[in-house]
């Protein structure tokens, strides 16, 4: 039961990272997306291993060809 809950939270943070890539906060010099916030929260709330799994899952989805990176696929 606990493993299922961890995988559910991991997939939730993977989806949040993907959505956060398209939410931009206008700062004059460097564009800031909420992607950084969600990756940090994944590490803090899920722990180092499951947080890394959610970020790796996000990267794999982008490398497969889904247009989920902040500047496109």
PDB file of N, CA and C in Angstrom:
ATOM      1  N   UNK A   1       0.821  -1.198   0.000  1.00  0.00           N
ATOM      2  CA  UNK A   1       0.000   0.000   0.000  1.00  0.00           C
ATOM      3  C   UNK A   1       0.865   1.262   0.000  1.00  0.00           C
ATOM      4  N   UNK A   2       1.914   1.262   0.809  1.00  0.00           N
ATOM      5  CA  UNK A   2       2.779   2.427   0.902  1.00  0.00           C
ATOM      6  C   UNK A   2       3.534   2.657  -0.408  1.00  0.00           C
ATOM      7  N   UNK A   3       3.922   1.578  -1.079  1.00  0.00           N
ATOM      8  CA  UNK A   3       4.636   1.701  -2.350  1.00  0.00           C
ATOM      9  C   UNK A   3       3.743   2.325  -3.416  1.00  0.00           C
ATOM     10  N   UNK A   4       2.464   1.960  -3.411  1.00  0.00           N
ATOM     11  CA  UNK A   4       1.521   2.533  -4.366  1.00  0.00           C
ATOM     12  C   UNK A   4       1.350   4.030  -4.122  1.00  0.00           C
ATOM     13  N   UNK A   5       1.304   4.414  -2.858  1.00  0.00           N
ATOM     14  CA  UNK A   5       1.166   5.832  -2.516  1.00  0.00           C
ATOM     15  C   UNK A   5       2.404   6.614  -2.962  1.00  0.00           C
ATOM     16  N   UNK A   6       3.594   6.033  -2.754  1.00  0.00           N
ATOM     17  CA  UNK A   6       4.825   6.707  -3.176  1.00  0.00           C
ATOM     18  C   UNK A   6       4.873   6.893  -4.688  1.00  0.00           C
ATOM     19  N   UNK A   7       4.469   5.869  -5.440  1.00  0.00           N
ATOM     20  CA  UNK A   7       4.462   5.982  -6.897  1.00  0.00           C
ATOM     21  C   UNK A   7       3.423   6.995  -7.380  1.00  0.00           C
ATOM     22  N   UNK A   8       2.313   7.099  -6.646  1.00  0.00           N
ATOM     23  CA  UNK A   8       1.294   8.080  -6.998  1.00  0.00           C
ATOM     24  C   UNK A   8       1.830   9.496  -6.789  1.00  0.00           C
ATOM     25  N   UNK A   9       2.501   9.730  -5.673  1.00  0.00           N
ATOM     26  CA  UNK A   9       3.094  11.041  -5.433  1.00  0.00           C
ATOM     27  C   UNK A   9       4.207  11.344  -6.430  1.00  0.00           C
ATOM     28  N   UNK A  10       4.960  10.329  -6.797  1.00  0.00           N
ATOM     29  CA  UNK A  10       6.029  10.488  -7.775  1.00  0.00           C
ATOM     30  C   UNK A  10       5.457  10.906  -9.130  1.00  0.00           C
ATOM     31  N   UNK A  11       4.385  10.260  -9.549  1.00  0.00           N
ATOM     32  CA  UNK A  11       3.767  10.631 -10.829  1.00  0.00           C
ATOM     33  C   UNK A  11       3.103  12.001 -10.746  1.00  0.00           C
ATOM     34  N   UNK A  12       2.572  12.365  -9.582  1.00  0.00           N
ATOM     35  CA  UNK A  12       1.991  13.700  -9.410  1.00  0.00           C
ATOM     36  C   UNK A  12       3.058  14.774  -9.572  1.00  0.00           C
ATOM     37  N   UNK A  13       4.215  14.576  -8.972  1.00  0.00           N
ATOM     38  CA  UNK A  13       5.282  15.566  -9.110  1.00  0.00           C
ATOM     39  C   UNK A  13       5.862  15.584 -10.515  1.00  0.00           C
ATOM     40  N   UNK A  14       5.870  14.444 -11.197  1.00  0.00           N
ATOM     41  CA  UNK A  14       6.288  14.444 -12.596  1.00  0.00           C
ATOM     42  C   UNK A  14       5.354  15.307 -13.428  1.00  0.00           C
ATOM     43  N   UNK A  15       4.054  15.198 -13.188  1.00  0.00           N
ATOM     44  CA  UNK A  15       3.084  16.027 -13.904  1.00  0.00           C
ATOM     45  C   UNK A  15       3.218  17.494 -13.516  1.00  0.00           C
ATOM     46  N   UNK A  16       3.471  17.780 -12.245  1.00  0.00           N
ATOM     47  CA  UNK A  16       3.641  19.174 -11.816  1.00  0.00           C
ATOM     48  C   UNK A  16       4.880  19.807 -12.441  1.00  0.00           C
ATOM     49  N   UNK A  17       5.955  19.043 -12.563  1.00  0.00           N
ATOM     50  CA  UNK A  17       7.164  19.564 -13.198  1.00  0.00           C
ATOM     51  C   UNK A  17       6.885  19.877 -14.667  1.00  0.00           C
ATOM     52  N   UNK A  18       6.133  18.996 -15.331  1.00  0.00           N
ATOM     53  CA  UNK A  18       5.810  19.223 -16.745  1.00  0.00           C
ATOM     54  C   UNK A  18       4.935  20.460 -16.918  1.00  0.00           C
ATOM     55  N   UNK A  19       3.967  20.659 -16.053  1.00  0.00           N
ATOM     56  CA  UNK A  19       3.102  21.842 -16.141  1.00  0.00           C
ATOM     57  C   UNK A  19       3.869  23.094 -15.742  1.00  0.00           C
ATOM     58  N   UNK A  20       4.718  22.964 -14.732  1.00  0.00           N
ATOM     59  CA  UNK A  20       5.496  24.108 -14.264  1.00  0.00           C
ATOM     60  C   UNK A  20       6.486  24.627 -15.283  1.00  0.00           C
ATOM     61  N   UNK A  21       6.836  23.831 -16.262  1.00  0.00           N
ATOM     62  CA  UNK A  21       7.761  24.288 -17.303  1.00  0.00           C
ATOM     63  C   UNK A  21       7.134  25.366 -18.172  1.00  0.00           C
ATOM     64  N   UNK A  22       5.814  25.391 -18.247  1.00  0.00           N
ATOM     65  CA  UNK A  22       5.137  26.362 -19.111  1.00  0.00           C
ATOM     66  C   UNK A  22       4.636  27.587 -18.358  1.00  0.00           C
ATOM     67  N   UNK A  23       4.741  27.612 -17.041  1.00  0.00           N
ATOM     68  CA  UNK A  23       4.342  28.771 -16.241  1.00  0.00           C
ATOM     69  C   UNK A  23       5.586  29.605 -15.998  1.00  0.00           C
ATOM     70  N   UNK A  24       5.628  30.752 -16.652  1.00  0.00           N
ATOM     71  CA  UNK A  24       6.815  31.610 -16.579  1.00  0.00           C
ATOM     72  C   UNK A  24       6.538  32.833 -15.720  1.00  0.00           C
ATOM     73  N   UNK A  25       7.526  33.189 -14.908  1.00  0.00           N
ATOM     74  CA  UNK A  25       7.471  34.411 -14.111  1.00  0.00           C
ATOM     75  C   UNK A  25       8.428  35.395 -14.766  1.00  0.00           C
ATOM     76  N   UNK A  26       7.906  36.540 -15.225  1.00  0.00           N
ATOM     77  CA  UNK A  26       8.774  37.479 -15.957  1.00  0.00           C
ATOM     78  C   UNK A  26       9.756  38.202 -15.034  1.00  0.00           C
ATOM     79  N   UNK A  27      11.016  37.867 -15.202  1.00  0.00           N
ATOM     80  CA  UNK A  27      12.114  38.555 -14.528  1.00  0.00           C
ATOM     81  C   UNK A  27      12.980  39.129 -15.643  1.00  0.00           C
ATOM     82  N   UNK A  28      13.447  40.374 -15.521  1.00  0.00           N
ATOM     83  CA  UNK A  28      14.107  41.033 -16.663  1.00  0.00           C
ATOM     84  C   UNK A  28      15.291  40.283 -17.274  1.00  0.00           C
ATOM     85  N   UNK A  29      16.150  39.674 -16.506  1.00  0.00           N
ATOM     86  CA  UNK A  29      17.366  39.106 -17.065  1.00  0.00           C
ATOM     87  C   UNK A  29      17.196  37.633 -17.446  1.00  0.00           C
ATOM     88  N   UNK A  30      16.720  36.836 -16.509  1.00  0.00           N
ATOM     89  CA  UNK A  30      16.624  35.395 -16.719  1.00  0.00           C
ATOM     90  C   UNK A  30      15.167  34.968 -16.575  1.00  0.00           C
ATOM     91  N   UNK A  31      14.622  34.245 -17.553  1.00  0.00           N
ATOM     92  CA  UNK A  31      13.250  33.750 -17.385  1.00  0.00           C
ATOM     93  C   UNK A  31      13.188  32.685 -16.287  1.00  0.00           C
ATOM     94  N   UNK A  32      12.201  32.773 -15.440  1.00  0.00           N
ATOM     95  CA  UNK A  32      12.060  31.872 -14.301  1.00  0.00           C
ATOM     96  C   UNK A  32      10.779  31.072 -14.468  1.00  0.00           C
ATOM     97  N   UNK A  33      10.883  29.757 -14.447  1.00  0.00           N
ATOM     98  CA  UNK A  33       9.702  28.903 -14.541  1.00  0.00           C
ATOM     99  C   UNK A  33       9.472  28.222 -13.193  1.00  0.00           C
ATOM    100  N   UNK A  34       8.282  27.709 -12.996  1.00  0.00           N
ATOM    101  CA  UNK A  34       7.965  27.015 -11.755  1.00  0.00           C
ATOM    102  C   UNK A  34       8.531  25.600 -11.722  1.00  0.00           C
ATOM    103  N   UNK A  35       9.226  25.233 -12.766  1.00  0.00           N
ATOM    104  CA  UNK A  35       9.853  23.924 -12.850  1.00  0.00           C
ATOM    105  C   UNK A  35      10.873  23.749 -11.715  1.00  0.00           C
ATOM    106  N   UNK A  36      11.618  24.784 -11.442  1.00  0.00           N
ATOM    107  CA  UNK A  36      12.621  24.737 -10.371  1.00  0.00           C
ATOM    108  C   UNK A  36      11.952  24.510  -9.019  1.00  0.00           C
ATOM    109  N   UNK A  37      10.830  25.164  -8.776  1.00  0.00           N
ATOM    110  CA  UNK A  37      10.105  25.001  -7.522  1.00  0.00           C
ATOM    111  C   UNK A  37       9.618  23.568  -7.341  1.00  0.00           C
ATOM    112  N   UNK A  38       9.037  22.993  -8.401  1.00  0.00           N
ATOM    113  CA  UNK A  38       8.487  21.649  -8.284  1.00  0.00           C
ATOM    114  C   UNK A  38       9.569  20.585  -8.175  1.00  0.00           C
ATOM    115  N   UNK A  39      10.716  20.781  -8.804  1.00  0.00           N
ATOM    116  CA  UNK A  39      11.801  19.807  -8.642  1.00  0.00           C
ATOM    117  C   UNK A  39      12.366  19.867  -7.220  1.00  0.00           C
ATOM    118  N   UNK A  40      12.450  21.068  -6.666  1.00  0.00           N
ATOM    119  CA  UNK A  40      12.923  21.207  -5.292  1.00  0.00           C
ATOM    120  C   UNK A  40      11.930  20.601  -4.314  1.00  0.00           C
ATOM    121  N   UNK A  41      10.637  20.861  -4.534  1.00  0.00           N
ATOM    122  CA  UNK A  41       9.620  20.284  -3.664  1.00  0.00           C
ATOM    123  C   UNK A  41       9.581  18.763  -3.751  1.00  0.00           C
ATOM    124  N   UNK A  42       9.828  18.229  -4.931  1.00  0.00           N
ATOM    125  CA  UNK A  42       9.856  16.767  -5.082  1.00  0.00           C
ATOM    126  C   UNK A  42      10.972  16.167  -4.239  1.00  0.00           C
ATOM    127  N   UNK A  43      12.121  16.798  -4.243  1.00  0.00           N
ATOM    128  CA  UNK A  43      13.226  16.304  -3.423  1.00  0.00           C
ATOM    129  C   UNK A  43      12.974  16.452  -1.937  1.00  0.00           C
ATOM    130  N   UNK A  44      12.344  17.565  -1.549  1.00  0.00           N
ATOM    131  CA  UNK A  44      12.099  17.796  -0.130  1.00  0.00           C
ATOM    132  C   UNK A  44      10.970  16.932   0.418  1.00  0.00           C
ATOM    133  N   UNK A  45       9.889  16.813  -0.317  1.00  0.00           N
ATOM    134  CA  UNK A  45       8.716  16.101   0.193  1.00  0.00           C
ATOM    135  C   UNK A  45       8.778  14.589  -0.030  1.00  0.00           C
ATOM    136  N   UNK A  46       9.338  14.166  -1.156  1.00  0.00           N
ATOM    137  CA  UNK A  46       9.378  12.739  -1.455  1.00  0.00           C
ATOM    138  C   UNK A  46      10.641  12.055  -0.965  1.00  0.00           C
ATOM    139  N   UNK A  47      11.645  12.819  -0.691  1.00  0.00           N
ATOM    140  CA  UNK A  47      12.934  12.239  -0.333  1.00  0.00           C
ATOM    141  C   UNK A  47      13.838  12.207  -1.551  1.00  0.00           C
ATOM    142  N   UNK A  48      15.085  11.884  -1.314  1.00  0.00           N
ATOM    143  CA  UNK A  48      16.062  11.971  -2.400  1.00  0.00           C
ATOM    144  C   UNK A  48      15.821  10.931  -3.494  1.00  0.00           C
ATOM    145  N   UNK A  49      15.483   9.707  -3.111  1.00  0.00           N
ATOM    146  CA  UNK A  49      15.324   8.651  -4.115  1.00  0.00           C
ATOM    147  C   UNK A  49      14.066   8.840  -4.956  1.00  0.00           C
ATOM    148  N   UNK A  50      12.925   9.024  -4.300  1.00  0.00           N
ATOM    149  CA  UNK A  50      11.676   9.167  -5.049  1.00  0.00           C
ATOM    150  C   UNK A  50      11.612  10.515  -5.770  1.00  0.00           C
ATOM    151  N   UNK A  51      12.234  11.545  -5.207  1.00  0.00           N
ATOM    152  CA  UNK A  51      12.320  12.818  -5.909  1.00  0.00           C
ATOM    153  C   UNK A  51      13.146  12.702  -7.180  1.00  0.00           C
ATOM    154  N   UNK A  52      14.236  11.958  -7.094  1.00  0.00           N
ATOM    155  CA  UNK A  52      15.056  11.724  -8.284  1.00  0.00           C
ATOM    156  C   UNK A  52      14.307  10.893  -9.316  1.00  0.00           C
ATOM    157  N   UNK A  53      13.508   9.934  -8.857  1.00  0.00           N
ATOM    158  CA  UNK A  53      12.725   9.124  -9.790  1.00  0.00           C
ATOM    159  C   UNK A  53      11.717   9.986 -10.540  1.00  0.00           C
ATOM    160  N   UNK A  54      11.084  10.940  -9.846  1.00  0.00           N
ATOM    161  CA  UNK A  54      10.102  11.796 -10.526  1.00  0.00           C
ATOM    162  C   UNK A  54      10.768  12.711 -11.545  1.00  0.00           C
ATOM    163  N   UNK A  55      11.950  13.226 -11.232  1.00  0.00           N
ATOM    164  CA  UNK A  55      12.652  14.092 -12.189  1.00  0.00           C
ATOM    165  C   UNK A  55      13.178  13.270 -13.368  1.00  0.00           C
ATOM    166  N   UNK A  56      13.672  12.070 -13.109  1.00  0.00           N
ATOM    167  CA  UNK A  56      14.145  11.207 -14.193  1.00  0.00           C
ATOM    168  C   UNK A  56      12.990  10.795 -15.090  1.00  0.00           C
ATOM    169  N   UNK A  57      11.823  10.538 -14.496  1.00  0.00           N
ATOM    170  CA  UNK A  57      10.645  10.211 -15.305  1.00  0.00           C
ATOM    171  C   UNK A  57      10.264  11.381 -16.198  1.00  0.00           C
ATOM    172  N   UNK A  58      10.368  12.607 -15.678  1.00  0.00           N
ATOM    173  CA  UNK A  58      10.100  13.802 -16.490  1.00  0.00           C
ATOM    174  C   UNK A  58      11.082  13.898 -17.654  1.00  0.00           C
ATOM    175  N   UNK A  59      12.359  13.659 -17.381  1.00  0.00           N
ATOM    176  CA  UNK A  59      13.358  13.739 -18.443  1.00  0.00           C
ATOM    177  C   UNK A  59      13.153  12.655 -19.487  1.00  0.00           C
ATOM    178  N   UNK A  60      12.786  11.452 -19.062  1.00  0.00           N
ATOM    179  CA  UNK A  60      12.531  10.355 -20.003  1.00  0.00           C
ATOM    180  C   UNK A  60      11.338  10.686 -20.894  1.00  0.00           C
ATOM    181  N   UNK A  61      10.282  11.249 -20.306  1.00  0.00           N
ATOM    182  CA  UNK A  61       9.119  11.632 -21.109  1.00  0.00           C
ATOM    183  C   UNK A  61       9.490  12.675 -22.164  1.00  0.00           C
ATOM    184  N   UNK A  62      10.352  13.610 -21.799  1.00  0.00           N
ATOM    185  CA  UNK A  62      10.791  14.613 -22.760  1.00  0.00           C
ATOM    186  C   UNK A  62      11.685  14.033 -23.836  1.00  0.00           C
ATOM    187  N   UNK A  63      12.555  13.095 -23.451  1.00  0.00           N
ATOM    188  CA  UNK A  63      13.455  12.493 -24.428  1.00  0.00           C
ATOM    189  C   UNK A  63      12.731  11.551 -25.379  1.00  0.00           C
ATOM    190  N   UNK A  64      11.612  10.995 -24.933  1.00  0.00           N
ATOM    191  CA  UNK A  64      10.814  10.133 -25.801  1.00  0.00           C
ATOM    192  C   UNK A  64      10.182  10.949 -26.923  1.00  0.00           C
ATOM    193  N   UNK A  65       9.925  12.230 -26.667  1.00  0.00           N
ATOM    194  CA  UNK A  65       9.390  13.075 -27.717  1.00  0.00           C
ATOM    195  C   UNK A  65       8.213  13.926 -27.322  1.00  0.00           C
ATOM    196  N   UNK A  66       7.754  13.815 -26.085  1.00  0.00           N
ATOM    197  CA  UNK A  66       6.652  14.682 -25.664  1.00  0.00           C
ATOM    198  C   UNK A  66       7.148  16.113 -25.512  1.00  0.00           C
ATOM    199  N   UNK A  67       6.388  17.089 -25.977  1.00  0.00           N
ATOM    200  CA  UNK A  67       6.851  18.490 -25.885  1.00  0.00           C
ATOM    201  C   UNK A  67       6.593  19.079 -24.501  1.00  0.00           C
ATOM    202  N   UNK A  68       7.313  18.597 -23.508  1.00  0.00           N
ATOM    203  CA  UNK A  68       7.081  19.060 -22.141  1.00  0.00           C
ATOM    204  C   UNK A  68       8.231  19.891 -21.588  1.00  0.00           C
ATOM    205  N   UNK A  69       9.290  20.075 -22.350  1.00  0.00           N
ATOM    206  CA  UNK A  69      10.380  20.942 -21.882  1.00  0.00           C
ATOM    207  C   UNK A  69       9.977  22.400 -22.045  1.00  0.00           C
ATOM    208  N   UNK A  70      10.590  23.292 -21.276  1.00  0.00           N
ATOM    209  CA  UNK A  70      10.157  24.685 -21.262  1.00  0.00           C
ATOM    210  C   UNK A  70      10.346  25.390 -22.598  1.00  0.00           C
ATOM    211  N   UNK A  71      11.341  25.013 -23.368  1.00  0.00           N
ATOM    212  CA  UNK A  71      11.577  25.640 -24.668  1.00  0.00           C
ATOM    213  C   UNK A  71      11.127  24.764 -25.832  1.00  0.00           C
ATOM    214  N   UNK A  72      10.306  23.759 -25.558  1.00  0.00           N
ATOM    215  CA  UNK A  72       9.827  22.867 -26.610  1.00  0.00           C
ATOM    216  C   UNK A  72      10.552  21.530 -26.556  1.00  0.00           C
ATOM    217  N   UNK A  73      10.254  20.660 -27.524  1.00  0.00           N
ATOM    218  CA  UNK A  73      10.816  19.306 -27.509  1.00  0.00           C
ATOM    219  C   UNK A  73      12.075  19.178 -28.303  1.00  0.00           C
TER     220      UNK A  73
END
